[in-house]
């Protein structure tokens, strides 16, 4: 599949498409825990297929589990029955430890499970692109060095941070290329931690490394979708654009209309109904109101694709997800009727 053509088709389609980061709620359809899901490639593939059958989405998106790669590097992972795994502590706090940090082989930890999950999902989902998921280089470095300490290290120990980033980037390139090798049509690269940096630091410690990943992986058959749900993403658009991605995904902390005005019109720009306030903790009525508010705000931007602001939590009520999709469908239907009478 020519994914550049797919992006072009999404932009030029008269109807607004809906592509939320929807994967973890599949635990409710499978009657399993999150811990079981993240540890089993068969469950991951089945979950993606069940959601693809349930909702009319232009692509299928894999799981946004930002602990996978850090765990493969040796970080301690905390599992819970109904929550996405998280990383505890750090494995690098000195230049010596950074130099000694071993780059894992593909398949270590749960990386092999995730690769197999996408490979199996592609056997089941054949009517739309399948996107894998992975963490971004700075967000990975933050988990290896402690997310609360890494920004300080950027100022005080920049060489140490670059050492870790070099190893993280080299691994991520191999990891993404493996997804590409098995036939995935793209990857959602999550770099939320970079949204806390100043423009200069973001360029040096995140965007330059993401750009390298994009240059070595993205082509007409495989795209990189950049995700940043940081609250300061609106002031970092130049650094974000420098990555060279063909699609971008933003969180609910920013004004989506403002982001669209700053981003290239020939790139897909996605977001940003709140996954926590609206999807997880809201009601169907709140979901409808929030969805129509974003749709109306972004009207006129053909390259806009409505989505959740980040991954939708596992135990989100499907009534809220249904309301989101129904609102998008009604919005498109209303626009068609308006065109007919004007």
Protein backbone atom coordinates (compact mmCIF):
# COMPACT_ATOMS: atom_id res chain seq x y z
CA UNK A 1 0.00 0.00 0.00
CA UNK A 2 1.33 3.43 -0.95
CA UNK A 3 0.97 5.23 2.37
CA UNK A 4 1.74 8.65 0.93
CA UNK A 5 -1.31 8.11 -1.30
CA UNK A 6 -3.28 6.97 1.75
CA UNK A 7 -2.43 10.21 3.57
CA UNK A 8 -3.39 12.18 0.48
CA UNK A 9 -6.68 10.29 0.28
CA UNK A 10 -7.45 10.99 3.94
CA UNK A 11 -6.80 14.70 3.39
CA UNK A 12 -8.91 14.95 0.25
CA UNK A 13 -11.80 12.82 1.46
CA UNK A 14 -14.97 14.88 1.84
CA UNK A 15 -15.86 13.12 5.08
CA UNK A 16 -13.95 13.61 8.32
CA UNK A 17 -12.43 10.31 9.41
CA UNK A 18 -12.16 9.22 13.02
CA UNK A 19 -9.03 7.41 14.19
CA UNK A 20 -8.74 7.37 18.00
CA UNK A 21 -5.82 5.65 19.71
CA UNK A 22 -8.09 2.78 20.57
CA UNK A 23 -6.58 -0.53 21.59
CA UNK A 24 -6.48 -1.18 25.35
CA UNK A 25 -10.31 -1.22 25.80
CA UNK A 26 -10.15 -4.51 23.89
CA UNK A 27 -9.52 -6.16 27.29
CA UNK A 28 -13.25 -5.78 27.89
CA UNK A 29 -14.11 -7.61 24.66
CA UNK A 30 -11.58 -10.35 25.39
CA UNK A 31 -12.48 -10.68 29.10
CA UNK A 32 -8.82 -10.52 30.12
CA UNK A 33 -6.68 -8.26 32.30
CA UNK A 34 -4.28 -5.67 30.92
CA UNK A 35 -1.40 -7.74 32.26
CA UNK A 36 -2.59 -10.75 30.29
CA UNK A 37 -3.03 -8.64 27.17
CA UNK A 38 0.45 -7.08 27.17
CA UNK A 39 2.03 -10.50 27.69
CA UNK A 40 0.31 -12.39 24.87
CA UNK A 41 0.66 -11.70 21.14
CA UNK A 42 -2.44 -13.73 20.32
CA UNK A 43 -4.59 -11.60 22.62
CA UNK A 44 -3.12 -8.42 21.16
CA UNK A 45 -3.93 -9.51 17.61
CA UNK A 46 -7.45 -10.60 18.56
CA UNK A 47 -8.08 -7.36 20.42
CA UNK A 48 -7.04 -5.25 17.45
CA UNK A 49 -9.24 -7.33 15.15
CA UNK A 50 -12.28 -7.09 17.41
CA UNK A 51 -12.00 -3.30 17.60
CA UNK A 52 -11.47 -3.07 13.85
CA UNK A 53 -14.68 -5.05 13.33
CA UNK A 54 -16.58 -2.98 15.89
CA UNK A 55 -15.66 0.48 14.56
CA UNK A 56 -15.28 1.96 11.10
CA UNK A 57 -11.76 3.36 11.38
CA UNK A 58 -9.42 4.09 8.44
CA UNK A 59 -6.59 2.17 10.14
CA UNK A 60 -5.93 -0.18 13.02
CA UNK A 61 -3.60 1.09 15.74
CA UNK A 62 -1.57 -1.15 18.02
CA UNK A 63 -1.00 -0.64 21.73
CA UNK A 64 0.62 2.52 23.14
CA UNK A 65 2.58 0.79 25.89
CA UNK A 66 5.51 3.06 26.72
CA UNK A 67 7.11 0.55 29.09
CA UNK A 68 8.02 -2.06 26.47
CA UNK A 69 11.29 -0.65 25.17
CA UNK A 70 12.54 0.54 28.57
CA UNK A 71 11.87 -2.90 30.02
CA UNK A 72 13.97 -4.44 27.24
CA UNK A 73 16.82 -2.12 28.29
CA UNK A 74 16.57 -3.43 31.85
CA UNK A 75 14.15 -1.05 33.56
CA UNK A 76 11.84 -2.33 36.27
CA UNK A 77 8.25 -2.57 35.07
CA UNK A 78 5.24 -2.38 37.37
CA UNK A 79 2.22 -4.38 36.21
CA UNK A 80 -1.39 -4.04 37.32
CA UNK A 81 -4.54 -5.87 36.33
CA UNK A 82 -6.36 -2.92 34.82
CA UNK A 83 -3.67 -0.31 34.14
CA UNK A 84 -1.07 0.07 31.41
CA UNK A 85 2.38 -0.98 32.72
CA UNK A 86 4.68 1.74 34.07
CA UNK A 87 8.42 2.07 34.66
CA UNK A 88 9.83 2.47 38.18
CA UNK A 89 13.17 4.05 39.02
CA UNK A 90 16.12 4.35 36.63
CA UNK A 91 19.00 2.31 35.25
CA UNK A 92 21.28 5.23 34.29
CA UNK A 93 22.40 8.03 36.59
CA UNK A 94 26.05 8.52 35.59
CA UNK A 95 28.20 8.66 32.47
CA UNK A 96 29.73 5.33 33.48
CA UNK A 97 26.32 3.69 33.59
CA UNK A 98 25.38 5.32 30.28
CA UNK A 99 28.51 3.94 28.64
CA UNK A 100 27.81 0.49 30.07
CA UNK A 101 24.13 0.47 29.06
CA UNK A 102 23.55 -2.53 26.81
CA UNK A 103 21.40 -2.15 23.72
CA UNK A 104 18.96 -5.09 23.74
CA UNK A 105 18.45 -7.45 20.85
CA UNK A 106 15.14 -7.47 19.05
CA UNK A 107 12.76 -9.78 20.84
CA UNK A 108 14.09 -9.15 24.33
CA UNK A 109 11.58 -8.34 27.01
CA UNK A 110 8.18 -7.92 25.43
CA UNK A 111 9.42 -6.43 22.16
CA UNK A 112 9.07 -9.83 20.50
CA UNK A 113 5.51 -10.17 21.79
CA UNK A 114 4.58 -6.78 20.34
CA UNK A 115 6.15 -7.58 16.97
CA UNK A 116 4.33 -10.91 16.86
CA UNK A 117 1.09 -9.24 17.91
CA UNK A 118 1.21 -6.87 14.94
CA UNK A 119 2.27 -9.66 12.56
CA UNK A 120 -0.69 -11.79 13.65
CA UNK A 121 -3.08 -8.83 13.56
CA UNK A 122 -2.16 -8.23 9.93
CA UNK A 123 -3.39 -11.73 9.10
CA UNK A 124 -6.77 -10.81 10.56
CA UNK A 125 -7.04 -7.16 9.46
CA UNK A 126 -6.70 -6.90 5.69
CA UNK A 127 -9.06 -4.05 4.78
CA UNK A 128 -7.06 -1.12 6.19
CA UNK A 129 -3.50 -0.17 7.22
CA UNK A 130 -2.11 -1.53 10.47
CA UNK A 131 0.06 0.79 12.55
CA UNK A 132 2.47 -0.49 15.17
CA UNK A 133 3.38 1.53 18.23
CA UNK A 134 6.65 2.49 19.89
CA UNK A 135 8.12 5.10 22.20
CA UNK A 136 10.18 8.08 21.03
CA UNK A 137 13.91 8.43 21.80
CA UNK A 138 13.76 11.17 24.45
CA UNK A 139 10.75 9.58 26.18
CA UNK A 140 12.67 6.29 26.26
CA UNK A 141 15.78 8.00 27.63
CA UNK A 142 13.60 9.61 30.28
CA UNK A 143 12.35 6.24 31.46
CA UNK A 144 15.88 4.88 31.57
CA UNK A 145 17.17 7.91 33.49
CA UNK A 146 13.99 8.76 35.49
CA UNK A 147 11.45 11.09 33.92
CA UNK A 148 11.83 13.53 36.82
CA UNK A 149 15.61 13.79 36.41
CA UNK A 150 16.25 13.68 32.67
CA UNK A 151 15.56 17.36 32.01
CA UNK A 152 18.08 18.36 34.69
CA UNK A 153 20.59 16.01 33.07
CA UNK A 154 20.08 17.83 29.76
CA UNK A 155 21.56 20.92 31.44
CA UNK A 156 24.09 19.35 33.78
CA UNK A 157 25.14 16.12 32.03
CA UNK A 158 24.32 16.58 28.31
CA UNK A 159 26.94 14.07 27.16
CA UNK A 160 25.39 11.40 29.36
CA UNK A 161 21.94 12.10 27.90
CA UNK A 162 23.30 11.97 24.35
CA UNK A 163 25.00 8.65 25.09
CA UNK A 164 21.68 7.16 26.18
CA UNK A 165 19.82 8.79 23.28
CA UNK A 166 22.30 7.34 20.79
CA UNK A 167 21.71 3.84 22.09
CA UNK A 168 17.95 4.36 22.35
CA UNK A 169 17.74 5.67 18.79
CA UNK A 170 19.83 2.84 17.36
CA UNK A 171 17.51 0.33 19.01
CA UNK A 172 14.33 2.11 17.93
CA UNK A 173 15.47 2.18 14.31
CA UNK A 174 16.01 -1.59 14.38
CA UNK A 175 12.70 -2.09 16.17
CA UNK A 176 10.71 0.01 13.70
CA UNK A 177 12.45 -1.57 10.71
CA UNK A 178 11.34 -4.96 12.02
CA UNK A 179 7.73 -3.76 12.07
CA UNK A 180 8.26 -2.54 8.53
CA UNK A 181 9.78 -5.89 7.54
CA UNK A 182 6.74 -7.86 8.72
CA UNK A 183 4.46 -5.62 6.65
CA UNK A 184 3.08 -2.97 8.99
CA UNK A 185 2.17 0.22 7.14
CA UNK A 186 3.41 2.62 9.79
CA UNK A 187 4.21 3.31 13.40
CA UNK A 188 2.82 5.72 15.99
CA UNK A 189 5.94 7.11 17.66
CA UNK A 190 5.06 8.50 21.09
CA UNK A 191 7.34 11.32 22.30
CA UNK A 192 5.25 13.03 25.02
CA UNK A 193 8.11 13.76 27.42
CA UNK A 194 9.73 16.06 24.83
CA UNK A 195 6.74 18.36 25.18
CA UNK A 196 8.22 19.61 28.46
CA UNK A 197 11.44 20.90 26.90
CA UNK A 198 12.35 24.35 25.65
CA UNK A 199 12.52 24.70 21.85
CA UNK A 200 16.32 24.52 21.84
CA UNK A 201 16.51 21.51 24.11
CA UNK A 202 13.75 19.76 22.21
CA UNK A 203 15.59 20.14 18.92
CA UNK A 204 18.85 18.86 20.39
CA UNK A 205 17.58 16.05 22.60
CA UNK A 206 14.48 14.90 20.72
CA UNK A 207 13.67 16.20 17.25
CA UNK A 208 17.12 15.60 15.77
CA UNK A 209 16.96 11.97 16.87
CA UNK A 210 13.37 11.54 15.70
CA UNK A 211 14.38 13.02 12.34
CA UNK A 212 17.08 10.35 12.02
CA UNK A 213 14.52 7.64 12.78
CA UNK A 214 12.16 9.06 10.15
CA UNK A 215 14.88 9.31 7.52
CA UNK A 216 15.84 5.67 8.04
CA UNK A 217 12.34 4.18 8.22
CA UNK A 218 9.71 6.30 6.47
CA UNK A 219 8.99 5.86 2.78
CA UNK A 220 5.97 5.50 0.53
CA UNK A 221 5.15 2.10 2.04
CA UNK A 222 5.65 3.01 5.69
CA UNK A 223 4.89 6.22 7.58
CA UNK A 224 5.84 7.60 10.99
CA UNK A 225 3.02 9.24 12.93
CA UNK A 226 4.49 11.57 15.56
CA UNK A 227 2.56 11.74 18.85
CA UNK A 228 3.09 14.43 21.46
CA UNK A 229 0.45 15.09 24.12
CA UNK A 230 2.53 17.64 26.00
CA UNK A 231 0.85 20.86 27.07
CA UNK A 232 3.52 23.01 25.38
CA UNK A 233 3.36 21.37 21.96
CA UNK A 234 1.79 24.52 20.51
CA UNK A 235 5.04 26.46 21.05
CA UNK A 236 7.21 23.64 19.72
CA UNK A 237 5.71 23.24 16.26
CA UNK A 238 8.85 24.25 14.36
CA UNK A 239 10.87 21.62 16.19
CA UNK A 240 8.10 19.05 15.69
CA UNK A 241 7.86 19.78 11.97
CA UNK A 242 11.64 19.40 11.59
CA UNK A 243 11.24 15.65 12.23
CA UNK A 244 9.91 15.17 8.70
CA UNK A 245 6.96 13.00 9.69
CA UNK A 246 3.97 12.88 7.37
CA UNK A 247 1.38 12.70 10.18
CA UNK A 248 1.13 14.24 13.64
CA UNK A 249 -1.02 13.49 16.67
CA UNK A 250 -1.62 15.91 19.56
CA UNK A 251 -3.19 15.78 23.01
CA UNK A 252 -6.12 17.62 24.51
CA UNK A 253 -3.91 20.10 26.39
CA UNK A 254 -3.46 22.21 23.23
CA UNK A 255 -5.83 24.10 20.96
CA UNK A 256 -6.34 21.85 17.94
CA UNK A 257 -7.27 24.70 15.63
CA UNK A 258 -4.09 26.54 16.56
CA UNK A 259 -2.02 23.44 15.85
CA UNK A 260 -3.64 23.01 12.44
CA UNK A 261 -2.80 26.59 11.53
CA UNK A 262 0.85 25.96 12.37
CA UNK A 263 1.30 22.52 10.82
CA UNK A 264 1.85 21.73 7.09
CA UNK A 265 -1.43 21.41 5.15
CA UNK A 266 -0.14 18.36 3.26
CA UNK A 267 0.38 16.38 6.49
CA UNK A 268 -2.31 14.67 8.53
CA UNK A 269 -2.91 16.35 11.89
CA UNK A 270 -4.87 14.34 14.46
CA UNK A 271 -6.37 14.87 17.94
CA UNK A 272 -7.66 15.70 20.50
CA UNK A 273 -10.73 14.62 22.55
CA UNK A 274 -9.53 14.02 26.12
CA UNK A 275 -8.93 10.31 26.84
CA UNK A 276 -9.23 10.82 30.61
CA UNK A 277 -11.79 13.59 31.16
CA UNK A 278 -14.13 12.61 28.33
CA UNK A 279 -13.61 8.99 27.28
CA UNK A 280 -12.69 7.41 30.63
CA UNK A 281 -14.43 9.63 33.18
CA UNK A 282 -17.11 11.27 31.08
CA UNK A 283 -20.58 10.32 29.87
CA UNK A 284 -21.97 9.75 26.37
CA UNK A 285 -23.37 13.29 26.47
CA UNK A 286 -19.96 14.70 27.39
CA UNK A 287 -18.37 12.67 24.62
CA UNK A 288 -20.83 14.06 22.07
CA UNK A 289 -20.31 17.66 23.21
CA UNK A 290 -16.52 17.39 23.30
CA UNK A 291 -16.38 15.70 19.89
CA UNK A 292 -18.62 18.21 18.13
CA UNK A 293 -16.67 21.05 19.75
CA UNK A 294 -13.40 19.79 18.23
CA UNK A 295 -15.03 19.07 14.87
CA UNK A 296 -16.54 22.54 14.62
CA UNK A 297 -13.34 24.21 15.74
CA UNK A 298 -11.33 22.42 13.07
CA UNK A 299 -13.87 22.79 10.27
CA UNK A 300 -12.22 23.92 7.06
CA UNK A 301 -8.92 22.15 7.68
CA UNK A 302 -9.00 19.25 5.26
CA UNK A 303 -5.90 17.65 6.77
CA UNK A 304 -7.59 17.26 10.16
CA UNK A 305 -8.53 13.80 11.43
CA UNK A 306 -10.37 13.62 14.72
CA UNK A 307 -8.94 11.34 17.37
CA UNK A 308 -8.50 10.92 21.08
CA UNK A 309 -5.79 13.10 22.60
CA UNK A 310 -3.81 10.03 23.65
CA UNK A 311 -4.48 6.31 24.09
CA UNK A 312 -7.91 5.54 25.50
CA UNK A 313 -7.69 3.85 28.95
CA UNK A 314 -8.51 0.13 29.22
CA UNK A 315 -11.71 0.34 31.27
CA UNK A 316 -13.33 3.14 29.29
CA UNK A 317 -17.07 2.62 28.85
CA UNK A 318 -17.91 1.62 25.29
CA UNK A 319 -20.98 3.86 25.48
CA UNK A 320 -18.62 6.84 25.46
CA UNK A 321 -16.61 5.45 22.56
CA UNK A 322 -19.84 4.74 20.66
CA UNK A 323 -20.98 8.32 21.25
CA UNK A 324 -17.71 9.62 19.80
CA UNK A 325 -18.09 7.64 16.57
CA UNK A 326 -21.82 8.39 16.28
CA UNK A 327 -21.14 12.12 16.61
CA UNK A 328 -18.54 12.04 13.83
CA UNK A 329 -20.98 10.14 11.62
CA UNK A 330 -23.78 12.63 12.31
CA UNK A 331 -21.41 15.54 11.66
CA UNK A 332 -20.54 14.13 8.23
CA UNK A 333 -24.19 13.37 7.41
CA UNK A 334 -25.23 16.89 8.33
CA UNK A 335 -22.52 18.34 6.08
CA UNK A 336 -23.66 16.20 3.15
CA UNK A 337 -27.25 17.40 3.54
CA UNK A 338 -26.12 21.02 3.81
CA UNK A 339 -24.19 20.67 0.57
CA UNK A 340 -27.27 19.30 -1.13
CA UNK A 341 -29.49 22.25 -0.21
CA UNK A 342 -26.99 25.06 -0.75
